[in-house]
Amino acid sequence: MIKPTWLSININPPKAGYAIAVRSANKFGVGHTYDVINIDSELYDQEEYEDYLSSTSFIEWLPLESESE
């Protein structure tokens, strides 16, 4: 089984319009807060999406679907 790679929201932001899992920071590696986000790219542009994500407590994201689906 391949271990998923979490990506930093600030360094490598996701594209709007695709489902992602997000998690909050935790310096001990336990007790993270997780959520699933799927922002419609027709309602928000990429800059608004990145602004929204940077204003939350979430720091990392994981793709749940690829751009080719």
N, C-alpha and C. Protein backbone atom coordinates (compact mmCIF):
# COMPACT_ATOMS: atom_id res chain seq x y z
N MET A 1 0.84 -1.18 0.00
CA MET A 1 0.00 0.00 0.00
C MET A 1 0.88 1.25 0.00
N ILE A 2 0.53 2.21 -0.82
CA ILE A 2 1.29 3.45 -0.92
C ILE A 2 0.78 4.43 0.13
N LYS A 3 1.70 4.98 0.90
CA LYS A 3 1.34 5.97 1.92
C LYS A 3 1.06 7.31 1.24
N PRO A 4 -0.07 7.96 1.55
CA PRO A 4 -0.39 9.24 0.92
C PRO A 4 0.60 10.32 1.34
N THR A 5 0.86 11.24 0.44
CA THR A 5 1.77 12.35 0.70
C THR A 5 0.96 13.63 0.88
N TRP A 6 1.04 14.18 2.08
CA TRP A 6 0.37 15.44 2.37
C TRP A 6 1.21 16.58 1.82
N LEU A 7 0.55 17.56 1.21
CA LEU A 7 1.21 18.71 0.61
C LEU A 7 0.88 19.96 1.40
N SER A 8 1.82 20.89 1.45
CA SER A 8 1.61 22.15 2.17
C SER A 8 0.70 23.08 1.37
N ILE A 9 -0.29 23.65 2.04
CA ILE A 9 -1.20 24.58 1.37
C ILE A 9 -0.46 25.84 0.94
N ASN A 10 0.47 26.34 1.76
CA ASN A 10 1.18 27.58 1.44
C ASN A 10 2.20 27.40 0.32
N ILE A 11 2.86 26.27 0.26
CA ILE A 11 3.91 26.05 -0.74
C ILE A 11 3.34 25.49 -2.04
N ASN A 12 2.41 24.57 -1.94
CA ASN A 12 1.86 23.90 -3.11
C ASN A 12 0.34 23.86 -3.01
N PRO A 13 -0.34 25.00 -3.26
CA PRO A 13 -1.79 25.05 -3.08
C PRO A 13 -2.51 24.18 -4.12
N PRO A 14 -3.66 23.60 -3.74
CA PRO A 14 -4.42 22.77 -4.68
C PRO A 14 -5.18 23.63 -5.68
N LYS A 15 -5.57 23.02 -6.79
CA LYS A 15 -6.40 23.71 -7.77
C LYS A 15 -7.85 23.64 -7.33
N ALA A 16 -8.58 24.71 -7.57
CA ALA A 16 -10.01 24.75 -7.26
C ALA A 16 -10.75 23.78 -8.18
N GLY A 17 -11.83 23.20 -7.67
CA GLY A 17 -12.67 22.35 -8.49
C GLY A 17 -12.45 20.87 -8.29
N TYR A 18 -11.57 20.49 -7.37
CA TYR A 18 -11.29 19.08 -7.12
C TYR A 18 -11.40 18.80 -5.62
N ALA A 19 -11.91 17.63 -5.29
CA ALA A 19 -12.06 17.26 -3.88
C ALA A 19 -10.69 17.02 -3.25
N ILE A 20 -10.50 17.58 -2.06
CA ILE A 20 -9.26 17.39 -1.32
C ILE A 20 -9.58 17.11 0.14
N ALA A 21 -8.69 16.42 0.81
CA ALA A 21 -8.75 16.27 2.25
C ALA A 21 -7.77 17.29 2.83
N VAL A 22 -8.12 17.91 3.92
CA VAL A 22 -7.24 18.88 4.58
C VAL A 22 -7.05 18.46 6.02
N ARG A 23 -5.91 18.85 6.59
CA ARG A 23 -5.69 18.57 8.02
C ARG A 23 -4.99 19.76 8.67
N SER A 24 -5.24 19.89 9.96
CA SER A 24 -4.67 20.99 10.73
C SER A 24 -3.29 20.62 11.24
N ALA A 25 -2.62 21.61 11.79
CA ALA A 25 -1.27 21.42 12.35
C ALA A 25 -1.35 20.76 13.71
N ASN A 26 -0.36 19.95 14.00
CA ASN A 26 -0.22 19.38 15.33
C ASN A 26 1.23 18.95 15.46
N LYS A 27 1.98 19.62 16.32
CA LYS A 27 3.42 19.37 16.41
C LYS A 27 3.76 17.98 16.94
N PHE A 28 2.80 17.28 17.56
CA PHE A 28 3.06 15.95 18.09
C PHE A 28 2.66 14.83 17.13
N GLY A 29 1.96 15.18 16.04
CA GLY A 29 1.57 14.19 15.05
C GLY A 29 0.33 13.39 15.42
N VAL A 30 -0.36 13.79 16.47
CA VAL A 30 -1.61 13.12 16.85
C VAL A 30 -2.70 14.17 17.04
N GLY A 31 -3.93 13.77 16.89
CA GLY A 31 -5.03 14.69 17.15
C GLY A 31 -5.26 15.72 16.07
N HIS A 32 -4.85 15.42 14.85
CA HIS A 32 -5.12 16.34 13.75
C HIS A 32 -6.63 16.50 13.54
N THR A 33 -7.04 17.63 13.01
CA THR A 33 -8.41 17.84 12.58
C THR A 33 -8.42 17.65 11.07
N TYR A 34 -9.36 16.85 10.59
CA TYR A 34 -9.46 16.56 9.16
C TYR A 34 -10.80 17.04 8.63
N ASP A 35 -10.84 17.35 7.33
CA ASP A 35 -12.08 17.71 6.66
C ASP A 35 -11.91 17.42 5.18
N VAL A 36 -13.01 17.39 4.46
CA VAL A 36 -12.99 17.24 3.00
C VAL A 36 -13.58 18.51 2.42
N ILE A 37 -12.89 19.06 1.42
CA ILE A 37 -13.32 20.30 0.78
C ILE A 37 -13.41 20.06 -0.72
N ASN A 38 -14.48 20.58 -1.32
CA ASN A 38 -14.62 20.53 -2.77
C ASN A 38 -15.25 21.84 -3.20
N ILE A 39 -14.43 22.81 -3.55
CA ILE A 39 -14.88 24.15 -3.94
C ILE A 39 -15.13 24.16 -5.45
N ASP A 40 -16.31 24.62 -5.85
CA ASP A 40 -16.66 24.71 -7.26
C ASP A 40 -15.84 25.81 -7.93
N SER A 41 -15.10 25.45 -8.96
CA SER A 41 -14.23 26.42 -9.65
C SER A 41 -15.03 27.45 -10.45
N GLU A 42 -16.33 27.20 -10.65
CA GLU A 42 -17.16 28.19 -11.34
C GLU A 42 -17.65 29.28 -10.39
N LEU A 43 -17.61 29.01 -9.09
CA LEU A 43 -18.04 29.99 -8.10
C LEU A 43 -16.88 30.82 -7.54
N TYR A 44 -15.71 30.19 -7.43
CA TYR A 44 -14.53 30.86 -6.88
C TYR A 44 -13.35 30.67 -7.81
N ASP A 45 -12.60 31.74 -8.04
CA ASP A 45 -11.40 31.58 -8.86
C ASP A 45 -10.26 31.05 -7.99
N GLN A 46 -9.14 30.75 -8.61
CA GLN A 46 -8.02 30.14 -7.91
C GLN A 46 -7.50 31.01 -6.77
N GLU A 47 -7.42 32.32 -7.00
CA GLU A 47 -6.91 33.23 -5.96
C GLU A 47 -7.83 33.26 -4.74
N GLU A 48 -9.14 33.30 -4.96
CA GLU A 48 -10.09 33.29 -3.85
C GLU A 48 -10.01 31.97 -3.08
N TYR A 49 -9.83 30.88 -3.80
CA TYR A 49 -9.72 29.56 -3.18
C TYR A 49 -8.49 29.50 -2.29
N GLU A 50 -7.34 29.97 -2.78
CA GLU A 50 -6.11 29.98 -1.99
C GLU A 50 -6.24 30.90 -0.79
N ASP A 51 -6.89 32.04 -0.96
CA ASP A 51 -7.11 32.95 0.18
C ASP A 51 -7.96 32.28 1.25
N TYR A 52 -9.00 31.57 0.83
CA TYR A 52 -9.85 30.86 1.78
C TYR A 52 -9.04 29.81 2.56
N LEU A 53 -8.30 28.98 1.84
CA LEU A 53 -7.53 27.93 2.50
C LEU A 53 -6.49 28.49 3.45
N SER A 54 -5.85 29.60 3.08
CA SER A 54 -4.81 30.18 3.95
C SER A 54 -5.41 30.84 5.19
N SER A 55 -6.70 31.14 5.17
CA SER A 55 -7.34 31.77 6.33
C SER A 55 -7.88 30.74 7.33
N THR A 56 -7.76 29.46 7.01
CA THR A 56 -8.23 28.40 7.91
C THR A 56 -7.07 27.88 8.75
N SER A 57 -7.38 26.98 9.66
CA SER A 57 -6.32 26.37 10.48
C SER A 57 -5.68 25.18 9.79
N PHE A 58 -6.15 24.86 8.59
CA PHE A 58 -5.59 23.73 7.86
C PHE A 58 -4.27 24.12 7.20
N ILE A 59 -3.28 23.25 7.29
CA ILE A 59 -1.98 23.56 6.72
C ILE A 59 -1.55 22.60 5.61
N GLU A 60 -2.20 21.42 5.54
CA GLU A 60 -1.81 20.44 4.54
C GLU A 60 -3.04 19.89 3.83
N TRP A 61 -2.82 19.42 2.60
CA TRP A 61 -3.91 18.86 1.83
C TRP A 61 -3.46 17.60 1.10
N LEU A 62 -4.44 16.80 0.73
CA LEU A 62 -4.22 15.53 0.05
C LEU A 62 -5.26 15.41 -1.05
N PRO A 63 -4.85 15.14 -2.29
CA PRO A 63 -5.84 15.03 -3.36
C PRO A 63 -6.70 13.78 -3.18
N LEU A 64 -8.00 13.92 -3.39
CA LEU A 64 -8.92 12.78 -3.34
C LEU A 64 -9.37 12.38 -4.74
N GLU A 65 -9.19 13.26 -5.70
CA GLU A 65 -9.48 12.95 -7.09
C GLU A 65 -8.46 13.69 -7.95
N SER A 66 -8.15 13.13 -9.08
CA SER A 66 -7.15 13.75 -9.94
C SER A 66 -7.82 14.66 -10.97
N GLU A 67 -7.02 15.52 -11.57
CA GLU A 67 -7.53 16.45 -12.58
C GLU A 67 -7.95 15.70 -13.83
N SER A 68 -7.47 14.50 -14.02
CA SER A 68 -7.80 13.74 -15.23
C SER A 68 -9.11 12.97 -15.11
N GLU A 69 -9.74 12.94 -13.93
CA GLU A 69 -11.00 12.20 -13.75
C GLU A 69 -12.16 12.98 -14.30
